[in-house]
Amino acid sequence: MAPNPNSPTPVAAPVQPELPPRLNSNQIFRGQKTIEIDHGEQRYTLRVTKENKLILTK
């Protein structure tokens, strides 16, 4: 079937990227200043500094 020159050209809708899950740090720390995270065979420490910043160390 030959294309109809009078029909509109289809336009692809933009794909919206999926947003990553978001957690509040209070949900993670539960009142503590330091937590440990096991990731694979490694253990990491996530802590809150005096300036209320986060530091992740191995």
C-alpha atoms as a PDB file:
ATOM      1  CA  MET A   1       0.000   0.000   0.000  1.00  0.00           C
ATOM      2  CA  ALA A   2       1.414   3.380  -1.007  1.00  0.00           C
ATOM      3  CA  PRO A   3       1.674   6.075   1.689  1.00  0.00           C
ATOM      4  CA  ASN A   4      -0.977   8.778   1.590  1.00  0.00           C
ATOM      5  CA  PRO A   5       0.762  12.159   1.062  1.00  0.00           C
ATOM      6  CA  ASN A   6      -2.186  13.912   2.768  1.00  0.00           C
ATOM      7  CA  SER A   7      -1.950  11.962   6.046  1.00  0.00           C
ATOM      8  CA  PRO A   8      -0.054  13.552   8.959  1.00  0.00           C
ATOM      9  CA  THR A   9       3.416  12.254   9.723  1.00  0.00           C
ATOM     10  CA  PRO A  10       3.394  10.293  12.994  1.00  0.00           C
ATOM     11  CA  VAL A  11       5.443  11.902  15.757  1.00  0.00           C
ATOM     12  CA  ALA A  12       6.984   9.820  18.527  1.00  0.00           C
ATOM     13  CA  ALA A  13       5.957  10.905  22.017  1.00  0.00           C
ATOM     14  CA  PRO A  14       8.922  11.776  24.247  1.00  0.00           C
ATOM     15  CA  VAL A  15       9.779   9.047  26.722  1.00  0.00           C
ATOM     16  CA  GLN A  16       9.698  10.224  30.321  1.00  0.00           C
ATOM     17  CA  PRO A  17      12.643   8.863  32.306  1.00  0.00           C
ATOM     18  CA  GLU A  18      11.643   6.855  35.353  1.00  0.00           C
ATOM     19  CA  LEU A  19      12.478   8.697  38.544  1.00  0.00           C
ATOM     20  CA  PRO A  20      14.572   6.815  41.120  1.00  0.00           C
ATOM     21  CA  PRO A  21      13.002   5.970  44.476  1.00  0.00           C
ATOM     22  CA  ARG A  22      13.459   8.708  47.081  1.00  0.00           C
ATOM     23  CA  LEU A  23      13.909   8.181  50.818  1.00  0.00           C
ATOM     24  CA  ASN A  24      14.128  10.773  53.540  1.00  0.00           C
ATOM     25  CA  SER A  25      17.355  10.375  55.511  1.00  0.00           C
ATOM     26  CA  ASN A  26      15.269  10.117  58.700  1.00  0.00           C
ATOM     27  CA  GLN A  27      13.875   6.847  57.340  1.00  0.00           C
ATOM     28  CA  ILE A  28      17.402   5.498  56.944  1.00  0.00           C
ATOM     29  CA  PHE A  29      19.114   6.810  60.078  1.00  0.00           C
ATOM     30  CA  ARG A  30      16.183   6.448  62.527  1.00  0.00           C
ATOM     31  CA  GLY A  31      17.705   8.940  64.958  1.00  0.00           C
ATOM     32  CA  GLN A  32      21.270   7.632  64.640  1.00  0.00           C
ATOM     33  CA  LYS A  33      24.251   9.511  63.195  1.00  0.00           C
ATOM     34  CA  THR A  34      25.917   6.462  61.571  1.00  0.00           C
ATOM     35  CA  ILE A  35      24.655   3.397  59.707  1.00  0.00           C
ATOM     36  CA  GLU A  36      26.433   0.495  58.024  1.00  0.00           C
ATOM     37  CA  ILE A  37      25.490  -0.673  54.546  1.00  0.00           C
ATOM     38  CA  ASP A  38      26.383  -4.113  53.199  1.00  0.00           C
ATOM     39  CA  HIS A  39      26.795  -4.011  49.420  1.00  0.00           C
ATOM     40  CA  GLY A  40      27.920  -7.276  47.881  1.00  0.00           C
ATOM     41  CA  GLU A  41      31.017  -8.354  49.775  1.00  0.00           C
ATOM     42  CA  GLN A  42      31.782  -4.816  50.983  1.00  0.00           C
ATOM     43  CA  ARG A  43      30.633  -2.897  54.066  1.00  0.00           C
ATOM     44  CA  TYR A  44      30.215   0.873  53.906  1.00  0.00           C
ATOM     45  CA  THR A  45      29.586   3.444  56.627  1.00  0.00           C
ATOM     46  CA  LEU A  46      27.230   6.345  56.015  1.00  0.00           C
ATOM     47  CA  ARG A  47      27.370   9.130  58.577  1.00  0.00           C
ATOM     48  CA  VAL A  48      25.961  12.583  59.199  1.00  0.00           C
ATOM     49  CA  THR A  49      28.563  15.273  59.915  1.00  0.00           C
ATOM     50  CA  LYS A  50      28.285  18.191  62.339  1.00  0.00           C
ATOM     51  CA  GLU A  51      27.424  20.344  59.296  1.00  0.00           C
ATOM     52  CA  ASN A  52      24.533  17.949  58.481  1.00  0.00           C
ATOM     53  CA  LYS A  53      26.277  16.582  55.374  1.00  0.00           C
ATOM     54  CA  LEU A  54      26.484  12.894  54.434  1.00  0.00           C
ATOM     55  CA  ILE A  55      29.767  11.009  54.108  1.00  0.00           C
ATOM     56  CA  LEU A  56      30.000   7.470  52.709  1.00  0.00           C
ATOM     57  CA  THR A  57      33.211   5.561  53.459  1.00  0.00           C
ATOM     58  CA  LYS A  58      34.401   2.051  52.754  1.00  0.00           C
END
